[in-house]
Amino acid sequence: MKPRTIVFFIAGIILSLGILSVVFPREGISIGSRTYYFPSLRTLVDDDQRKIELDIKTIPPEISQLSDSILFFDSLVNEGKLRFWLPDSSYFNSFWETVEQAKENNTIVRILHYGDSQIEMDHISSQLRKHLQEAFGGGGPGMLPFQTIVPTRTVQQWNSGNLIHLSSFGDSTVVRSRGNYGLMMQCFQMNGDASVNIRASKSNNVDDRVKQFSNINVVYHCKTNYLSGTLVDLDTKKKETCQKANSTVGKLHWDLAQPSKSLQIRMSGAANIYCITLDDGPGVSVDNIPMRGCSGQQFTLVNESLLTDAYKQLNIGMIIMQFGGNSVPYLKNAKDVSDYCSAIGKQIDYVHKCCPNAKILFIGPSDMSTRLNGQLQTYPIIHSLIDSLASTTTRHGVAFWSIFHAMGGENTMPQWVKEGLAGEDYIHFSQRGADLMGDFLAEAFNNSYQLFCMRRKMKQYNEEK
């Protein structure tokens, strides 16, 4: 039978049933002891309409809108250029719960942002800090080395005393093998007296929240049974001294009655000084920790017990590891990519072991240009590297975010350079470009938080019913 014949046959049946529903007597037809009925066309339409209206009325408008919002933010979190690759859909939930409660619990939740030279000068971190502190409170520039190694926009520092700089990404193999570093993958060895003066930035380009500090810590590993620290508020000339008498990892802590914009910390004793933290009020702190030239494989060079104890001194909510760019020029084939990602997996496992309660986000490299056939083009290996990093990180139970995708993907670096968002090396962002990328990362986090809030509302609604 031809298809056209079949269509006409089906249409004829439908038309016949329609005619029958119109002409069939409403009181039915009696045959013997039985009466037969056929529903009218109007009845069929009215019943369907009533059912549709009933179904709509059982869904409150606000829940319908909430469902649409969940779908919308879910698509932003899991698709598009600002998406996350997540080991599970609820991965960030406990982090959002923690930062929401920071003010109520009078705590500071820290986000440690490790990275290569792409984050120097507080790049990317500063904008993420600004957005999160606007939402959840907090202030101050966060974590700093005891002595300036790389300048930052947030503060100025001056030091005195005999300090030896030790770094997991610059020392000799002999010194590295000792592994005596802290949270910043470097430390300053002090024998005797040393001091640091810190003054908050006065620049209009720096967020006002970081320009004062009232909660100060010095994290250290003491070599003897004596360590003393004196904090001088240079604005008011007030002094506060605290001492520790234990040869272990610990912290000196000061809470100022009024925030300061300029202070001095005088140290006395024998210790490895891991870091200073300068915060203001409960909320969120985003700590910028640049490691120039690093591939992200330095974490396992730090002694496990010392790193674990150092992390315990502060309330770490999240650790961001932003690496890969320095390795791109040296990765030539699939085996190189596989080996690098395998090494990154070991680093992630090590950091997670040392700081088990923190969420970890690994950020892959940006678009980077090289000359191929006389033209600037994306390094060919980048696509494979980013795909492998996304797979490796989620397989190791942590989240992944791609700067390459956030920029726009392949061959977008030349356009960023043209618009003044990146430098002439076609690798590093300018200040404007770094700020924009920080905004992108903050927006990705905001999408995740909004999805968390929407899902919580839906859960509460279902539990109340």
Protein backbone atom coordinates (compact mmCIF):
# COMPACT_ATOMS: atom_id res chain seq x y z
CA MET A 1 0.00 0.00 0.00
CA LYS A 2 1.34 3.43 -0.94
CA PRO A 3 2.11 5.96 1.85
CA ARG A 4 -0.40 8.42 0.42
CA THR A 5 -3.11 5.76 0.56
CA ILE A 6 -2.28 5.05 4.23
CA VAL A 7 -2.49 8.75 5.13
CA PHE A 8 -5.88 9.10 3.43
CA PHE A 9 -7.10 5.94 5.19
CA ILE A 10 -6.13 7.24 8.66
CA ALA A 11 -7.60 10.67 7.93
CA GLY A 12 -10.84 9.02 6.82
CA ILE A 13 -11.10 7.08 10.09
CA ILE A 14 -10.51 10.23 12.17
CA LEU A 15 -13.08 12.17 10.12
CA SER A 16 -15.62 9.34 10.46
CA LEU A 17 -15.17 9.21 14.24
CA GLY A 18 -15.57 12.99 14.40
CA ILE A 19 -18.82 12.85 12.39
CA LEU A 20 -20.04 9.97 14.55
CA SER A 21 -19.39 11.93 17.74
CA VAL A 22 -21.54 14.77 16.37
CA VAL A 23 -24.55 12.77 15.03
CA PHE A 24 -24.62 10.04 17.66
CA PRO A 25 -27.66 10.58 19.97
CA ARG A 26 -26.74 12.02 23.35
CA GLU A 27 -29.26 9.63 24.99
CA GLY A 28 -27.54 6.69 23.33
CA ILE A 29 -28.88 3.84 21.20
CA SER A 30 -30.61 0.87 22.84
CA ILE A 31 -30.06 -2.56 21.36
CA GLY A 32 -31.83 -5.25 23.30
CA SER A 33 -31.16 -4.84 27.00
CA ARG A 34 -28.06 -2.68 26.46
CA THR A 35 -27.67 1.05 25.71
CA TYR A 36 -24.59 2.26 23.87
CA TYR A 37 -23.10 5.76 24.13
CA PHE A 38 -20.46 7.66 22.18
CA PRO A 39 -18.80 10.73 23.72
CA SER A 40 -19.45 14.01 21.98
CA LEU A 41 -16.60 16.02 20.51
CA ARG A 42 -17.35 18.83 22.95
CA THR A 43 -17.12 16.52 25.92
CA LEU A 44 -13.73 15.28 24.80
CA VAL A 45 -12.39 18.80 24.35
CA ASP A 46 -13.86 20.07 27.63
CA ASP A 47 -12.45 17.14 29.62
CA ASP A 48 -8.98 17.68 28.20
CA GLN A 49 -9.16 21.40 28.88
CA ARG A 50 -10.26 20.83 32.46
CA LYS A 51 -7.37 18.39 32.97
CA ILE A 52 -4.80 20.85 31.58
CA GLU A 53 -6.12 23.67 33.74
CA LEU A 54 -6.07 21.41 36.81
CA ASP A 55 -2.45 20.39 36.17
CA ILE A 56 -1.36 24.00 35.85
CA LYS A 57 -3.13 25.08 39.02
CA THR A 58 -1.36 22.37 41.08
CA ILE A 59 2.05 24.04 40.41
CA PRO A 60 2.46 27.31 42.38
CA PRO A 61 3.82 30.11 40.17
CA GLU A 62 6.85 30.67 42.38
CA ILE A 63 7.86 27.02 42.13
CA SER A 64 7.45 27.09 38.37
CA GLN A 65 9.75 30.10 38.24
CA LEU A 66 12.17 28.40 40.66
CA SER A 67 12.34 25.33 38.41
CA ASP A 68 13.15 27.56 35.45
CA SER A 69 15.86 29.31 37.49
CA ILE A 70 17.40 25.97 38.49
CA LEU A 71 17.53 24.89 34.85
CA PHE A 72 19.01 28.26 33.87
CA PHE A 73 21.82 28.29 36.45
CA ASP A 74 22.46 24.57 35.98
CA SER A 75 23.16 25.26 32.31
CA LEU A 76 25.56 28.08 33.25
CA VAL A 77 27.45 25.93 35.76
CA ASN A 78 27.73 22.87 33.53
CA GLU A 79 27.81 24.35 30.02
CA GLY A 80 29.21 27.37 28.20
CA LYS A 81 32.51 29.19 28.41
CA LEU A 82 32.37 29.84 32.19
CA ARG A 83 31.35 26.32 33.16
CA PHE A 84 32.89 24.11 35.84
CA TRP A 85 33.87 20.49 35.37
CA LEU A 86 32.69 18.92 38.65
CA PRO A 87 33.20 15.49 40.21
CA ASP A 88 29.56 15.67 41.37
CA SER A 89 26.76 18.24 41.19
CA SER A 90 26.92 19.09 44.91
CA TYR A 91 30.72 19.52 45.08
CA PHE A 92 30.72 23.19 46.18
CA ASN A 93 27.67 22.95 48.51
CA SER A 94 29.58 22.61 51.78
CA PHE A 95 31.83 25.52 50.80
CA TRP A 96 28.82 27.79 50.21
CA GLU A 97 27.32 26.75 53.54
CA THR A 98 30.60 27.61 55.27
CA VAL A 99 30.98 31.09 53.77
CA GLU A 100 27.32 31.88 54.45
CA GLN A 101 27.89 31.18 58.14
CA ALA A 102 31.19 33.09 58.40
CA LYS A 103 29.69 36.30 59.77
CA GLU A 104 27.40 34.50 62.19
CA ASN A 105 30.26 32.32 63.44
CA ASN A 106 32.70 35.26 63.49
CA THR A 107 35.18 33.33 61.36
CA ILE A 108 37.38 34.01 58.34
CA VAL A 109 37.13 31.46 55.53
CA ARG A 110 40.28 31.43 53.43
CA ILE A 111 40.65 30.74 49.72
CA LEU A 112 44.29 30.06 48.85
CA HIS A 113 44.93 30.99 45.21
CA TYR A 114 48.17 29.34 44.06
CA GLY A 115 49.39 30.04 40.55
CA ASP A 116 52.29 30.80 38.26
CA SER A 117 53.33 34.26 37.04
CA GLN A 118 49.86 34.74 35.52
CA ILE A 119 48.58 35.73 39.00
CA GLU A 120 51.49 37.96 40.09
CA MET A 121 50.61 41.47 41.30
CA ASP A 122 47.39 40.06 42.79
CA HIS A 123 46.08 39.37 39.28
CA ILE A 124 42.72 37.56 39.12
CA SER A 125 42.72 37.05 42.91
CA SER A 126 41.91 40.72 43.56
CA GLN A 127 38.68 40.69 41.56
CA LEU A 128 37.58 37.35 42.99
CA ARG A 129 38.27 38.75 46.48
CA LYS A 130 36.28 41.89 45.75
CA HIS A 131 33.18 40.02 44.56
CA LEU A 132 33.20 37.43 47.35
CA GLN A 133 33.75 40.01 50.08
CA GLU A 134 30.87 42.07 48.69
CA ALA A 135 28.65 39.00 49.03
CA PHE A 136 29.91 37.41 52.26
CA GLY A 137 31.92 40.05 54.12
CA GLY A 138 35.56 40.27 55.03
CA GLY A 139 38.43 42.59 54.24
CA GLY A 140 42.18 42.99 54.20
CA PRO A 141 44.74 41.89 51.61
CA GLY A 142 45.00 38.37 53.04
CA MET A 143 48.16 36.25 53.09
CA LEU A 144 51.59 37.76 52.44
CA PRO A 145 55.19 36.56 52.71
CA PHE A 146 57.17 38.08 55.59
CA GLN A 147 59.37 39.81 53.03
CA THR A 148 58.38 41.09 49.59
CA ILE A 149 59.53 38.82 46.77
CA VAL A 150 57.05 39.89 44.09
CA PRO A 151 55.33 43.29 44.48
CA THR A 152 51.59 43.37 45.03
CA ARG A 153 49.06 46.15 44.53
CA THR A 154 47.53 45.78 47.98
CA VAL A 155 50.39 46.75 50.34
CA GLN A 156 53.91 48.11 50.61
CA GLN A 157 56.46 46.25 52.76
CA TRP A 158 59.86 47.12 54.27
CA ASN A 159 62.02 44.66 56.19
CA SER A 160 65.01 44.65 58.48
CA GLY A 161 66.99 41.88 60.14
CA ASN A 162 68.73 38.73 59.02
CA LEU A 163 66.31 36.70 56.92
CA ILE A 164 67.19 33.80 54.62
CA HIS A 165 64.68 33.10 51.87
CA LEU A 166 63.95 29.41 51.20
CA SER A 167 61.66 28.39 48.36
CA SER A 168 60.33 25.11 46.98
CA PHE A 169 60.59 26.65 43.52
CA GLY A 170 64.06 28.15 43.67
CA ASP A 171 66.28 26.33 46.16
CA SER A 172 68.96 23.75 45.51
CA THR A 173 68.05 20.07 45.64
CA VAL A 174 69.78 19.73 49.03
CA VAL A 175 67.69 22.44 50.65
CA ARG A 176 64.51 21.26 48.93
CA SER A 177 64.92 17.78 50.35
CA ARG A 178 64.37 19.17 53.83
CA GLY A 179 60.88 20.25 52.82
CA ASN A 180 60.60 22.88 55.54
CA TYR A 181 58.17 25.25 53.86
CA GLY A 182 54.69 26.41 54.70
CA LEU A 183 51.47 27.46 53.07
CA MET A 184 53.15 29.72 50.50
CA MET A 185 55.62 27.04 49.32
CA GLN A 186 58.40 29.25 50.71
CA CYS A 187 59.56 30.60 54.05
CA PHE A 188 61.98 33.02 55.70
CA GLN A 189 64.52 31.61 58.12
CA MET A 190 65.07 33.91 61.10
CA ASN A 191 67.80 33.65 63.70
CA GLY A 192 67.67 36.56 66.15
CA ASP A 193 65.59 39.65 65.39
CA ALA A 194 63.69 40.74 62.32
CA SER A 195 60.86 43.11 61.53
CA VAL A 196 58.48 44.06 58.76
CA ASN A 197 56.60 47.33 58.17
CA ILE A 198 53.36 47.10 56.19
CA ARG A 199 51.31 49.95 54.80
CA ALA A 200 48.02 49.51 52.96
CA SER A 201 47.82 50.79 49.41
CA LYS A 202 46.40 54.25 48.84
CA SER A 203 45.67 53.63 45.17
CA ASN A 204 42.18 54.38 43.87
CA ASN A 205 42.48 51.22 41.75
CA VAL A 206 42.53 49.03 44.86
CA ASP A 207 39.31 47.97 46.55
CA ASP A 208 38.71 49.86 49.81
CA ARG A 209 38.07 46.64 51.73
CA VAL A 210 41.74 45.63 51.52
CA LYS A 211 43.03 48.97 52.82
CA GLN A 212 42.76 48.14 56.51
CA PHE A 213 43.34 45.16 58.79
CA SER A 214 42.34 44.20 62.31
CA ASN A 215 42.99 40.44 62.41
CA ILE A 216 46.69 39.60 62.08
CA ASN A 217 48.54 36.27 62.20
CA VAL A 218 52.12 35.15 61.77
CA VAL A 219 52.37 31.44 60.97
CA TYR A 220 55.74 29.89 61.83
CA HIS A 221 57.72 26.74 62.55
CA CYS A 222 59.69 27.39 65.72
CA LYS A 223 63.12 25.79 66.20
CA THR A 224 63.45 26.48 69.93
CA ASN A 225 61.18 26.92 72.90
CA TYR A 226 60.96 30.67 72.53
CA LEU A 227 59.44 33.01 69.96
CA SER A 228 58.21 36.54 70.55
CA GLY A 229 56.29 38.91 68.35
CA THR A 230 55.37 42.55 68.95
CA LEU A 231 52.80 44.34 66.81
CA VAL A 232 52.96 48.12 66.62
CA ASP A 233 50.00 50.00 65.16
CA LEU A 234 51.87 52.81 63.43
CA ASP A 235 48.69 54.89 63.22
CA THR A 236 48.05 54.92 66.99
CA LYS A 237 51.50 53.82 68.26
CA LYS A 238 49.88 51.09 70.35
CA LYS A 239 51.94 47.94 70.99
CA GLU A 240 50.84 44.38 71.65
CA THR A 241 53.24 41.53 72.34
CA CYS A 242 52.59 37.80 72.31
CA GLN A 243 54.97 34.91 72.93
CA LYS A 244 55.03 31.23 72.14
CA ALA A 245 57.12 28.60 73.85
CA ASN A 246 56.82 25.50 71.73
CA SER A 247 59.03 24.10 68.98
CA THR A 248 56.35 23.29 66.44
CA VAL A 249 54.13 24.86 63.80
CA GLY A 250 51.94 27.58 65.29
CA LYS A 251 50.80 31.16 64.92
CA LEU A 252 51.07 34.48 66.71
CA HIS A 253 47.72 36.25 66.67
CA TRP A 254 46.55 39.82 67.25
CA ASP A 255 43.02 41.27 67.25
CA LEU A 256 43.02 45.05 67.06
CA ALA A 257 40.23 47.08 68.67
CA GLN A 258 40.31 49.42 65.67
CA PRO A 259 41.49 48.56 62.15
CA SER A 260 44.93 49.78 61.16
CA LYS A 261 46.28 50.90 57.80
CA SER A 262 49.93 50.79 58.82
CA LEU A 263 51.71 48.46 61.23
CA GLN A 264 55.03 46.94 62.22
CA ILE A 265 55.69 43.38 63.38
CA ARG A 266 58.90 42.75 65.34
CA MET A 267 59.99 39.13 65.72
CA SER A 268 62.59 37.63 68.02
CA GLY A 269 63.78 34.03 68.19
CA ALA A 270 64.74 31.22 65.84
CA ALA A 271 62.00 30.13 63.44
CA ASN A 272 60.95 29.62 59.85
CA ILE A 273 58.29 32.23 59.17
CA TYR A 274 55.75 30.87 56.71
CA CYS A 275 53.42 33.83 56.18
CA ILE A 276 51.55 36.82 57.55
CA THR A 277 47.78 37.14 57.22
CA LEU A 278 46.13 40.57 57.28
CA ASP A 279 42.33 40.45 57.46
CA ASP A 280 39.49 42.65 58.61
CA GLY A 281 36.33 41.25 60.12
CA PRO A 282 34.61 37.91 59.58
CA GLY A 283 33.89 36.76 56.05
CA VAL A 284 36.06 35.61 53.15
CA SER A 285 39.76 36.10 52.48
CA VAL A 286 41.29 35.40 49.06
CA ASP A 287 45.05 34.88 49.31
CA ASN A 288 47.21 35.49 46.24
CA ILE A 289 50.21 33.10 46.16
CA PRO A 290 52.24 33.47 42.95
CA MET A 291 54.95 30.92 42.14
CA ARG A 292 56.83 32.22 39.11
CA GLY A 293 57.99 29.60 36.62
CA CYS A 294 56.14 26.76 38.33
CA SER A 295 54.38 23.89 36.63
CA GLY A 296 52.30 23.09 39.72
CA GLN A 297 54.46 20.16 40.85
CA GLN A 298 56.04 21.84 43.89
CA PHE A 299 53.53 20.87 46.58
CA THR A 300 54.98 17.40 47.18
CA LEU A 301 58.37 19.03 47.88
CA VAL A 302 56.96 20.32 51.18
CA ASN A 303 57.15 18.08 54.23
CA GLU A 304 53.72 16.51 54.67
CA SER A 305 53.39 16.90 58.43
CA LEU A 306 54.65 20.50 58.37
CA LEU A 307 52.29 21.47 55.55
CA THR A 308 49.38 19.72 57.27
CA ASP A 309 50.09 21.53 60.55
CA ALA A 310 50.46 24.86 58.76
CA TYR A 311 47.11 24.47 57.02
CA LYS A 312 45.50 23.68 60.40
CA GLN A 313 46.52 27.08 61.75
CA LEU A 314 44.01 28.80 59.44
CA ASN A 315 40.45 28.08 58.35
CA ILE A 316 41.00 26.96 54.74
CA GLY A 317 37.75 26.65 52.79
CA MET A 318 39.12 26.30 49.27
CA ILE A 319 42.43 25.85 47.50
CA ILE A 320 42.78 27.06 43.90
CA MET A 321 45.68 25.63 41.88
CA GLN A 322 46.22 27.56 38.62
CA PHE A 323 48.98 25.98 36.53
CA GLY A 324 49.86 24.53 33.16
CA GLY A 325 50.93 27.53 31.13
CA ASN A 326 54.63 27.11 31.85
CA SER A 327 54.53 23.51 30.63
CA VAL A 328 52.70 24.14 27.35
CA PRO A 329 55.81 24.95 25.21
CA TYR A 330 57.48 21.72 26.34
CA LEU A 331 54.60 19.30 25.74
CA LYS A 332 55.04 17.78 22.30
CA ASN A 333 52.83 14.69 22.18
CA ALA A 334 50.11 12.66 23.91
CA LYS A 335 52.59 10.93 26.23
CA ASP A 336 53.94 14.29 27.45
CA VAL A 337 50.40 15.44 28.22
CA SER A 338 49.58 12.17 29.98
CA ASP A 339 52.74 12.34 32.10
CA TYR A 340 52.09 15.96 33.09
CA CYS A 341 48.47 15.29 34.04
CA SER A 342 49.50 12.23 36.02
CA ALA A 343 51.94 14.41 37.97
CA ILE A 344 49.21 17.00 38.59
CA GLY A 345 46.94 14.25 39.90
CA LYS A 346 49.60 13.36 42.49
CA GLN A 347 49.87 17.02 43.53
CA ILE A 348 46.11 17.26 43.97
CA ASP A 349 46.03 14.10 46.09
CA TYR A 350 48.87 15.43 48.25
CA VAL A 351 47.24 18.81 48.85
CA HIS A 352 43.93 17.13 49.64
CA LYS A 353 45.66 14.82 52.11
CA CYS A 354 47.30 17.78 53.86
CA CYS A 355 44.09 19.87 53.87
CA PRO A 356 41.20 17.36 53.68
CA ASN A 357 38.37 19.77 54.51
CA ALA A 358 39.12 22.26 51.74
CA LYS A 359 37.50 22.15 48.33
CA ILE A 360 40.02 22.19 45.49
CA LEU A 361 39.65 23.93 42.14
CA PHE A 362 42.25 23.43 39.43
CA ILE A 363 42.41 26.15 36.76
CA GLY A 364 43.98 25.31 33.42
CA PRO A 365 46.08 27.57 31.18
CA SER A 366 44.91 30.44 29.01
CA ASP A 367 45.13 30.59 25.26
CA MET A 368 48.80 31.04 24.30
CA SER A 369 50.12 31.98 20.88
CA THR A 370 53.13 30.70 18.98
CA ARG A 371 54.23 31.23 15.39
CA LEU A 372 53.26 28.42 13.04
CA ASN A 373 53.94 28.86 9.33
CA GLY A 374 54.65 32.51 10.00
CA GLN A 375 51.34 33.20 11.76
CA LEU A 376 50.39 33.54 15.42
CA GLN A 377 48.30 30.51 16.37
CA THR A 378 47.25 28.65 19.50
CA TYR A 379 49.77 26.05 20.67
CA PRO A 380 48.35 22.86 19.10
CA ILE A 381 48.82 20.86 22.33
CA ILE A 382 46.56 23.12 24.41
CA HIS A 383 43.29 21.42 23.40
CA SER A 384 44.59 18.01 24.42
CA LEU A 385 46.08 19.38 27.64
CA ILE A 386 42.88 21.06 28.78
CA ASP A 387 40.75 18.01 27.99
CA SER A 388 43.18 15.81 29.91
CA LEU A 389 43.36 18.19 32.87
CA ALA A 390 39.56 18.31 33.09
CA SER A 391 39.41 14.53 33.05
CA THR A 392 42.29 14.12 35.53
CA THR A 393 41.02 16.62 38.08
CA THR A 394 37.47 15.31 38.21
CA ARG A 395 38.80 11.75 38.40
CA HIS A 396 40.81 12.83 41.45
CA GLY A 397 37.66 14.27 43.03
CA VAL A 398 38.17 18.01 42.50
CA ALA A 399 36.73 20.73 40.25
CA PHE A 400 38.20 22.20 37.05
CA TRP A 401 37.79 25.58 35.35
CA SER A 402 39.25 26.62 32.01
CA ILE A 403 40.65 30.09 31.37
CA PHE A 404 41.12 29.01 27.75
CA HIS A 405 37.35 28.59 27.35
CA ALA A 406 36.59 31.71 29.38
CA MET A 407 38.71 33.76 26.97
CA GLY A 408 36.77 32.43 24.00
CA GLY A 409 38.86 29.45 22.93
CA GLU A 410 41.30 28.97 20.10
CA ASN A 411 43.20 31.93 18.68
CA THR A 412 41.59 34.47 21.02
CA MET A 413 44.89 35.65 22.53
CA PRO A 414 45.75 37.93 19.54
CA GLN A 415 42.43 39.70 19.98
CA TRP A 416 43.08 40.12 23.72
CA VAL A 417 46.48 41.65 22.88
CA LYS A 418 44.89 43.94 20.30
CA GLU A 419 42.37 45.18 22.89
CA GLY A 420 45.05 45.76 25.53
CA LEU A 421 43.92 42.82 27.66
CA ALA A 422 47.17 40.86 27.29
CA GLY A 423 50.85 41.61 26.76
CA GLU A 424 52.98 41.43 23.64
CA ASP A 425 54.35 38.05 24.76
CA TYR A 426 50.92 36.61 23.87
CA ILE A 427 50.92 34.75 27.20
CA HIS A 428 50.32 37.06 30.16
CA PHE A 429 47.28 39.23 30.85
CA SER A 430 47.55 42.96 31.32
CA GLN A 431 46.03 44.47 34.46
CA ARG A 432 42.76 45.06 32.59
CA GLY A 433 42.78 41.55 31.21
CA ALA A 434 43.51 40.02 34.61
CA ASP A 435 40.68 42.04 36.16
CA LEU A 436 38.32 40.83 33.46
CA MET A 437 39.38 37.23 34.01
CA GLY A 438 38.88 37.71 37.76
CA ASP A 439 35.36 38.95 37.00
CA PHE A 440 34.76 35.87 34.85
CA LEU A 441 35.89 33.55 37.65
CA ALA A 442 33.73 35.43 40.16
CA GLU A 443 30.76 35.14 37.80
CA ALA A 444 31.32 31.39 37.49
CA PHE A 445 31.33 31.11 41.29
CA ASN A 446 28.22 33.27 41.52
CA ASN A 447 26.42 30.96 39.07
CA SER A 448 27.35 28.03 41.30
CA TYR A 449 26.13 29.84 44.41
CA GLN A 450 22.82 30.85 42.81
CA LEU A 451 22.24 27.24 41.75
CA PHE A 452 22.99 26.12 45.31
CA CYS A 453 20.45 28.63 46.68
CA MET A 454 17.75 27.65 44.17
CA ARG A 455 18.14 23.95 44.85
CA ARG A 456 17.98 24.60 48.59
CA LYS A 457 14.71 26.52 48.17
CA MET A 458 13.25 23.71 46.11
CA LYS A 459 14.32 21.16 48.74
CA GLN A 460 12.72 23.24 51.51
CA TYR A 461 9.50 23.53 49.53
CA ASN A 462 9.34 19.76 48.96
CA GLU A 463 10.00 19.07 52.65
CA GLU A 464 7.22 21.43 53.75
CA LYS A 465 4.63 19.74 51.55
